[in-house]
Structure formats: structure tokens, C-alpha cells
Protein backbone atom coordinates (compact mmCIF):
# COMPACT_ATOMS: atom_id res chain seq x y z
CA MET A 1 18.33 -1.80 -124.19
CA HIS A 2 17.95 1.16 -121.51
CA ASP A 3 19.41 1.47 -118.04
CA SER A 4 16.33 1.25 -115.91
CA ALA A 5 18.14 3.26 -113.18
CA SER A 6 18.17 6.19 -115.27
CA GLU A 7 14.86 5.85 -116.78
CA TYR A 8 11.28 4.72 -116.04
CA LYS A 9 7.83 5.04 -117.32
CA LEU A 10 4.99 7.12 -115.73
CA ASN A 11 2.21 5.10 -114.30
CA GLN A 12 -1.36 6.04 -115.79
CA ALA A 13 -0.20 7.20 -119.11
CA PRO A 14 -2.96 8.97 -121.24
CA ASP A 15 -5.10 6.66 -123.39
CA ASP A 16 -4.56 8.72 -126.60
CA GLY A 17 -1.82 10.60 -128.02
CA VAL A 18 0.25 12.83 -125.90
CA SER A 19 0.38 16.40 -127.18
CA ALA A 20 2.57 18.24 -124.71
CA VAL A 21 4.67 17.63 -121.54
CA LYS A 22 5.53 20.54 -119.25
CA PHE A 23 7.29 20.78 -116.11
CA GLY A 24 6.29 23.11 -113.36
CA PRO A 25 8.43 26.23 -112.31
CA ASN A 26 11.14 25.68 -110.06
CA THR A 27 10.51 22.00 -109.76
CA SER A 28 11.69 18.59 -110.93
CA GLN A 29 8.47 16.96 -109.32
CA PHE A 30 5.43 17.96 -111.24
CA LEU A 31 4.65 17.41 -114.77
CA LEU A 32 1.77 18.60 -116.69
CA VAL A 33 0.59 16.42 -119.75
CA SER A 34 -2.13 17.30 -122.37
CA SER A 35 -3.50 14.61 -124.41
CA TRP A 36 -5.83 13.88 -127.57
CA ASP A 37 -8.00 11.77 -124.95
CA GLU A 38 -9.65 15.18 -123.85
CA SER A 39 -7.68 15.61 -120.72
CA VAL A 40 -4.84 17.34 -118.75
CA ARG A 41 -3.14 15.34 -116.21
CA LEU A 42 -0.71 16.46 -113.37
CA TYR A 43 1.92 13.96 -112.37
CA ASP A 44 4.07 13.74 -109.31
CA ILE A 45 7.05 12.12 -111.01
CA GLN A 46 8.98 11.46 -107.84
CA ALA A 47 6.16 9.28 -106.53
CA ASN A 48 5.33 8.21 -110.02
CA SER A 49 1.54 8.88 -109.61
CA MET A 50 -1.20 10.93 -111.22
CA ARG A 51 -2.22 13.86 -108.72
CA THR A 52 -5.16 15.07 -110.66
CA LYS A 53 -6.83 15.36 -114.04
CA TYR A 54 -9.28 17.58 -115.65
CA LYS A 55 -11.39 17.56 -119.00
CA HIS A 56 -11.87 19.58 -122.22
CA ASP A 57 -14.65 18.71 -124.73
CA GLY A 58 -12.12 17.87 -127.32
CA ALA A 59 -8.37 16.68 -127.77
CA VAL A 60 -6.10 18.98 -125.89
CA LEU A 61 -3.26 20.26 -127.86
CA ASP A 62 -1.30 22.08 -125.28
CA CYS A 63 -0.88 23.14 -121.66
CA CYS A 64 1.42 25.22 -119.52
CA PHE A 65 2.01 26.25 -115.84
CA VAL A 66 1.48 29.74 -114.76
CA ASP A 67 2.83 29.02 -111.28
CA GLN A 68 3.17 26.01 -109.09
CA THR A 69 -0.58 25.61 -108.57
CA HIS A 70 -2.25 27.11 -111.80
CA THR A 71 -2.31 25.65 -115.20
CA TYR A 72 -3.75 26.61 -118.72
CA SER A 73 -4.80 24.43 -121.61
CA GLY A 74 -6.35 24.55 -124.98
CA GLY A 75 -7.34 22.25 -127.90
CA LEU A 76 -9.98 21.32 -130.41
CA ASP A 77 -12.82 22.66 -128.32
CA ASN A 78 -11.48 26.27 -129.12
CA THR A 79 -11.59 26.91 -125.23
CA LEU A 80 -8.75 28.26 -123.03
CA LYS A 81 -9.29 26.89 -119.60
CA ALA A 82 -7.44 27.66 -116.27
CA PHE A 83 -7.01 25.09 -113.67
CA ASP A 84 -6.43 25.74 -109.83
CA ILE A 85 -4.70 22.49 -108.49
CA ASN A 86 -5.06 23.37 -104.83
CA THR A 87 -8.87 23.50 -105.18
CA SER A 88 -9.32 21.38 -108.26
CA THR A 89 -11.49 24.01 -109.85
CA GLU A 90 -11.39 24.92 -113.47
CA THR A 91 -12.46 28.21 -115.22
CA VAL A 92 -13.17 28.85 -118.79
CA VAL A 93 -10.92 31.95 -119.60
CA GLY A 94 -11.90 32.54 -123.27
CA HIS A 95 -12.25 31.14 -126.69
CA HIS A 96 -10.71 31.16 -130.21
CA GLU A 97 -12.80 30.63 -133.31
CA ALA A 98 -10.81 27.44 -134.14
CA PRO A 99 -8.68 25.06 -132.29
CA ILE A 100 -5.98 26.30 -129.87
CA LYS A 101 -2.62 24.83 -130.76
CA CYS A 102 -0.36 26.38 -128.39
CA THR A 103 -0.37 27.90 -124.84
CA GLU A 104 2.55 29.72 -123.22
CA PHE A 105 3.14 31.60 -120.21
CA CYS A 106 5.46 34.52 -120.04
CA PRO A 107 6.82 35.15 -116.53
CA ASP A 108 8.39 38.48 -117.52
CA VAL A 109 5.44 40.00 -118.57
CA ASN A 110 3.02 37.91 -116.45
CA VAL A 111 0.83 36.91 -119.43
CA VAL A 112 -0.59 33.88 -120.89
CA VAL A 113 -0.27 33.49 -124.68
CA SER A 114 -2.62 31.23 -126.79
CA GLY A 115 -2.03 30.56 -130.44
CA SER A 116 -4.73 29.24 -132.77
CA TRP A 117 -5.66 27.75 -136.01
CA ASP A 118 -7.94 30.84 -136.44
CA GLN A 119 -4.71 32.72 -137.41
CA THR A 120 -4.63 34.85 -134.06
CA VAL A 121 -2.61 34.89 -130.95
CA LYS A 122 -4.34 36.21 -127.84
CA LEU A 123 -3.13 37.37 -124.49
CA TRP A 124 -4.70 36.80 -121.15
CA ASP A 125 -4.00 38.40 -117.86
CA PRO A 126 -3.80 35.34 -115.35
CA ARG A 127 -4.68 37.52 -112.45
CA ALA A 128 -8.25 38.26 -113.64
CA PRO A 129 -8.24 35.87 -115.73
CA CYS A 130 -9.31 37.95 -118.84
CA SER A 131 -8.41 38.77 -122.24
CA ALA A 132 -5.58 41.23 -123.06
CA GLY A 133 -5.98 41.42 -126.66
CA SER A 134 -6.00 39.57 -129.90
CA PHE A 135 -3.34 39.86 -132.56
CA SER A 136 -3.74 38.61 -136.14
CA GLN A 137 -1.01 36.25 -137.64
CA PRO A 138 -0.49 35.66 -141.44
CA ASP A 139 -1.61 31.96 -141.11
CA LYS A 140 -2.46 29.19 -138.80
CA VAL A 141 -0.60 29.22 -135.56
CA TYR A 142 1.62 25.83 -135.45
CA THR A 143 4.22 26.53 -132.62
CA MET A 144 5.22 29.32 -130.31
CA ALA A 145 7.81 30.14 -127.60
CA VAL A 146 8.75 32.92 -125.30
CA THR A 147 11.91 34.21 -124.04
CA GLY A 148 12.10 37.33 -121.93
CA ASP A 149 9.50 39.63 -123.29
CA LYS A 150 9.74 38.14 -126.74
CA LEU A 151 7.40 35.83 -128.56
CA VAL A 152 8.39 33.81 -131.44
CA VAL A 153 5.44 32.46 -133.43
CA GLY A 154 5.87 29.78 -136.12
CA THR A 155 2.73 29.57 -138.65
CA ALA A 156 1.66 27.73 -141.63
CA GLY A 157 3.32 28.79 -144.85
CA ARG A 158 6.73 28.76 -143.15
CA LYS A 159 6.25 32.16 -141.59
CA VAL A 160 8.18 33.25 -138.38
CA LEU A 161 7.06 36.31 -136.31
CA VAL A 162 8.86 37.89 -133.50
CA TRP A 163 6.68 40.04 -131.14
CA ASP A 164 7.48 42.26 -128.09
CA LEU A 165 4.88 41.14 -125.47
CA ARG A 166 5.32 44.65 -123.90
CA ASN A 167 4.25 46.36 -127.22
CA MET A 168 2.12 44.35 -129.45
CA GLY A 169 1.20 47.22 -131.72
CA TYR A 170 3.41 45.93 -134.41
CA VAL A 171 5.56 42.75 -135.45
CA GLN A 172 9.22 43.46 -134.51
CA GLN A 173 10.49 41.00 -137.23
CA ARG A 174 8.86 39.05 -139.88
CA ARG A 175 11.01 36.04 -141.21
CA ASP A 176 10.60 33.01 -143.54
CA SER A 177 11.63 29.80 -142.15
CA SER A 178 15.05 28.76 -143.37
CA LEU A 179 13.92 25.32 -143.67
CA LYS A 180 12.12 24.43 -147.15
CA PHE A 181 9.10 22.35 -145.43
CA GLN A 182 6.41 22.79 -142.90
CA THR A 183 7.67 24.16 -139.44
CA ARG A 184 6.87 21.64 -136.63
CA CYS A 185 8.29 23.31 -133.36
CA ILE A 186 10.12 26.20 -132.21
CA ARG A 187 11.93 26.70 -128.87
CA THR A 188 13.82 29.61 -127.60
CA PHE A 189 17.42 29.40 -126.13
CA PRO A 190 17.33 30.20 -122.36
CA SER A 191 20.00 32.77 -122.91
CA GLY A 192 17.57 34.66 -125.18
CA GLN A 193 19.76 34.87 -128.01
CA GLY A 194 17.54 33.07 -130.47
CA TYR A 195 15.61 30.09 -131.17
CA VAL A 196 15.72 26.55 -132.79
CA LEU A 197 13.08 25.64 -135.45
CA SER A 198 12.38 22.02 -136.63
CA SER A 199 10.45 20.86 -139.78
CA ILE A 200 8.70 17.82 -140.84
CA GLU A 201 11.52 17.00 -143.29
CA GLY A 202 14.13 15.98 -140.75
CA ARG A 203 15.97 19.25 -140.31
CA VAL A 204 16.56 21.62 -137.52
CA ALA A 205 17.70 25.34 -138.00
CA VAL A 206 19.43 27.49 -135.31
CA GLU A 207 18.48 31.06 -135.64
CA TYR A 208 19.57 34.32 -133.68
CA LEU A 209 17.25 37.09 -133.00
CA ASP A 210 19.65 40.25 -133.38
CA PRO A 211 19.02 41.14 -136.83
CA SER A 212 22.69 42.37 -137.59
CA PRO A 213 24.46 40.91 -140.42
CA GLU A 214 27.37 39.86 -138.25
CA VAL A 215 25.01 37.86 -136.03
CA GLN A 216 22.91 36.61 -138.79
CA LYS A 217 25.98 35.00 -140.39
CA LYS A 218 26.12 32.48 -137.26
CA LYS A 219 22.82 30.79 -138.29
CA TYR A 220 22.90 27.41 -139.74
CA ALA A 221 20.65 24.25 -140.11
CA PHE A 222 21.44 20.45 -140.16
CA LYS A 223 19.81 17.25 -140.93
CA CYS A 224 18.79 14.89 -138.23
CA HIS A 225 16.38 12.08 -137.36
CA ARG A 226 16.91 10.34 -140.59
CA LEU A 227 17.76 6.48 -140.93
CA LYS A 228 18.96 4.28 -143.68
CA VAL A 229 16.91 1.36 -144.28
CA ASP A 230 18.14 -1.12 -147.15
CA GLY A 231 20.42 1.64 -148.27
CA ILE A 232 17.56 4.18 -148.61
CA GLU A 233 17.26 7.04 -146.15
CA GLN A 234 14.02 7.50 -144.54
CA ILE A 235 13.47 10.96 -143.40
CA TYR A 236 11.34 11.82 -140.21
CA PRO A 237 9.47 14.88 -138.85
CA VAL A 238 11.32 16.51 -135.89
CA ASN A 239 8.36 17.00 -133.60
CA ALA A 240 10.01 18.25 -130.29
CA ILE A 241 12.64 20.41 -128.99
CA ALA A 242 13.42 21.07 -125.31
CA PHE A 243 16.11 23.26 -123.96
CA HIS A 244 18.35 22.54 -120.95
CA SER A 245 18.32 25.82 -118.93
CA GLY A 246 21.56 25.48 -117.41
CA HIS A 247 23.75 24.54 -120.54
CA ASN A 248 22.01 26.16 -123.37
CA THR A 249 21.95 22.82 -125.02
CA PHE A 250 18.85 21.10 -126.58
CA ALA A 251 17.09 17.87 -127.15
CA SER A 252 15.28 17.09 -130.42
CA GLY A 253 12.79 14.22 -130.71
CA GLY A 254 11.52 12.70 -134.07
CA SER A 255 9.12 10.35 -135.38
CA ASP A 256 12.19 7.96 -135.85
CA GLY A 257 11.68 7.33 -132.28
CA PHE A 258 14.93 8.79 -131.23
CA VAL A 259 15.85 11.56 -128.83
CA ASN A 260 19.15 13.49 -129.60
CA ILE A 261 20.93 15.97 -127.45
CA TRP A 262 22.85 18.79 -129.28
CA ASP A 263 25.00 21.66 -128.57
CA GLY A 264 23.86 24.33 -130.78
CA PHE A 265 26.56 26.67 -130.53
CA ASN A 266 29.21 24.25 -131.18
CA LYS A 267 27.30 22.37 -133.94
CA LYS A 268 27.59 19.10 -132.34
CA ARG A 269 25.54 16.01 -131.04
CA LEU A 270 26.33 15.35 -127.75
CA CYS A 271 24.44 12.00 -127.42
CA GLN A 272 21.74 9.80 -128.65
CA PHE A 273 19.47 7.63 -126.30
CA HIS A 274 18.05 4.27 -127.15
CA ARG A 275 15.15 4.16 -129.68
CA TYR A 276 11.78 4.57 -128.19
CA PRO A 277 8.69 2.28 -129.15
CA THR A 278 7.13 4.97 -131.61
CA SER A 279 7.40 8.69 -132.50
CA ILE A 280 8.52 11.18 -129.99
CA SER A 281 5.59 13.75 -129.60
CA SER A 282 6.95 16.09 -126.93
CA LEU A 283 9.95 16.68 -124.66
CA ALA A 284 10.58 18.86 -121.56
CA PHE A 285 13.56 19.54 -119.27
CA SER A 286 12.97 20.09 -115.62
CA HIS A 287 13.77 23.41 -114.23
CA ASP A 288 17.06 22.32 -112.98
CA GLY A 289 17.97 20.31 -116.06
CA SER A 290 18.29 17.04 -114.06
CA VAL A 291 15.37 15.22 -115.88
CA LEU A 292 14.05 14.83 -119.28
CA ALA A 293 10.30 14.05 -119.91
CA ILE A 294 9.79 12.07 -123.09
CA SER A 295 6.38 11.20 -124.51
CA SER A 296 6.34 8.37 -127.16
CA SER A 297 2.99 8.59 -128.99
CA PHE A 298 2.04 7.11 -132.46
CA MET A 299 1.30 10.28 -134.56
CA PHE A 300 -0.36 8.58 -137.70
CA GLU A 301 2.12 10.27 -140.14
CA GLN A 302 1.37 8.08 -142.87
CA GLY A 303 -2.36 8.57 -142.51
CA GLU A 304 -4.74 6.26 -140.75
CA GLN A 305 -2.92 3.14 -139.99
CA GLU A 306 -3.04 0.66 -137.09
CA ASN A 307 -1.30 1.97 -133.85
CA THR A 308 0.22 -1.11 -132.23
CA HIS A 309 2.12 1.19 -129.45
CA ASP A 310 0.88 2.38 -126.14
CA ASP A 311 1.23 5.97 -125.34
CA GLU A 312 3.99 6.15 -122.96
CA ILE A 313 5.80 8.82 -121.01
CA TYR A 314 9.42 8.06 -120.00
CA ILE A 315 11.11 10.03 -117.17
CA ARG A 316 14.82 10.06 -117.84
CA LYS A 317 17.58 11.23 -115.45
CA VAL A 318 20.19 13.05 -117.47
CA THR A 319 23.82 13.71 -116.76
CA ASP A 320 26.11 16.49 -117.44
CA GLN A 321 27.87 13.95 -119.55
CA GLU A 322 24.92 14.00 -121.77
CA THR A 323 23.73 17.50 -121.73
CA LYS A 324 26.99 19.81 -121.18
CA PRO A 325 28.99 21.19 -124.05
CA LYS A 326 32.17 19.25 -124.42
């Protein structure tokens, strides 16, 4: 089993599925967690304690830090909330017409982005806080990521859109996912060169933003999160991707309960951790890449069935051996 020195469970984990884990900027100490139990929690992972929590009127599907003391979150109540950690006060910033699936902060442009099943992305000025525009997407927003001033949006219907957050007047690039099945997660390379996209069908694609043919030749996809059971291959959704900011390598988490670390440029798997009790729903590296937060949450992939596993968040110390390109 796992080496307890390198990994531990967070105390006071959420009571229902964990939708997102996000580390604060410039810290390996504070972890923000949104959950289907209608709440957002802030943990001090070094003390292994919950610092504070606040509620929504429905399951919370995503959350993000804007700076060390302010967070944003959204979910099934269609409401974007801001929370001030120092004063424990919350503000309703605005609404979508359907659930908010994603919230991201773009430091380069100082803007909060929310993506919704109402087929829009909205920008919010965190200084006010107020709306800075609504931009229609081709379908429900499933996943989003920012890199520099670029916003990459993955929607239903396997569409991928690249937007420039400084000029939202038009879409910079429209693409189809290079994977045949529904998009589950998109995360961008810290270097800004491209993004990694995962699907519900045990595959990951490594994509580049530069549209020139020479660069586009480098893109590729690979199979992962598959297990042979009695000679039959079982294929699992790849729910989560997280980049290591220092090494440009990434972790993937699947409904097979495994976490893998990949070197995307050299097309290599660097390592695989032990199997977790149930599906991996979210992953996040700390700012300095020393720690990986792993949420193990039953995701009802086969419809309503009995969940026999508690929702857990594991904090794992990672080494260069595991995360650095060989």
C-alpha cells in the first residue's frame, strides 16, 4: 500500500462528491475544495485542519482563488459567489441562467471567468466585483483553462474554443476535439504552448495552440486509465488533469482510481501511484509543485448505484523522481 510518510488524508473531508480542489497562489499551505454537499471549504493542509467553509444553495461544481484571501465559486444554484477569507463574508457577484460548471481566475488580465451550461462564458472584474461581459459558446461549457491571456473552453459536442481575454470580440480559434468521445477536462501547459484534453473514453490528447502546420504535426493522443479484467479491457473516464508548474509534466486521474504522471513532450509515463478507493474526481499541484492534492470521490458513472466509499482528499508529497522529465 502507500507510504504514509509521503501521503495523508485531509481531516473533515466533504460529505458528498468533491468537484474541485485548487491550491492558493504562491502557497503549498491552503487548499480550496468545492463539493456536491453545497459547500466550499478552505483547508490548511500543513495543520491538516479546515479553516473555514461557506455555502451555496445547491451543489458547488467549481471554485478558484483570485488571491490569497479571496475565492470564487459556482454551481447548481446558477450563482457566482465571492468569499473574503479574512472577514468570512460572502458576496453574490452574479448569475447564469443554468448551472455554473467552471470558474477560473486569469491573473494576467485580472479577470474571473465563469463557464455555464447556459452556453455562455462570463467575465467578472474582481475589483468591483461586477460583470465584464457575456460571450456565447457553441454548447454547454464542460471545462475551461487559462494560460497567459488565453482562455481555452471545452464544450459539449466536442468543441474547443480559444479566446483572447484581452479581446473577446471574436473567437481566436475553433477546433474539434481530436478525441472521439465527450470532453471531460482541459488544462493548459504552464509554458503556454498548448493544452491537454481528456475524454470519458480513457484517452488524453496533447494539443498545441500555434496553428502553424509544423507545430500542429506535434500533437498526439494516447490511451490511459484502462484495466484488463479477466482478459477484457475496461475503459474509464479521465476526469482530472493537473500540471506541475516547474516541470511542465502533468498528472491524470481516472475513474479507475489511478493517478499517473506524464511527460507530455517526450510521450512518456513517469510513474503511477497506488490505486485509490474510488474515482479520481479532481487533482491539483501546489504552486511550487511539492504537493499533489487528490480527491477520491464516487462519481456514479454507471448510474445510480450504491456508493460504499467515503469521499476523501489525499495530500501527497511528490518528488522530482516522480514529476521531472527523465
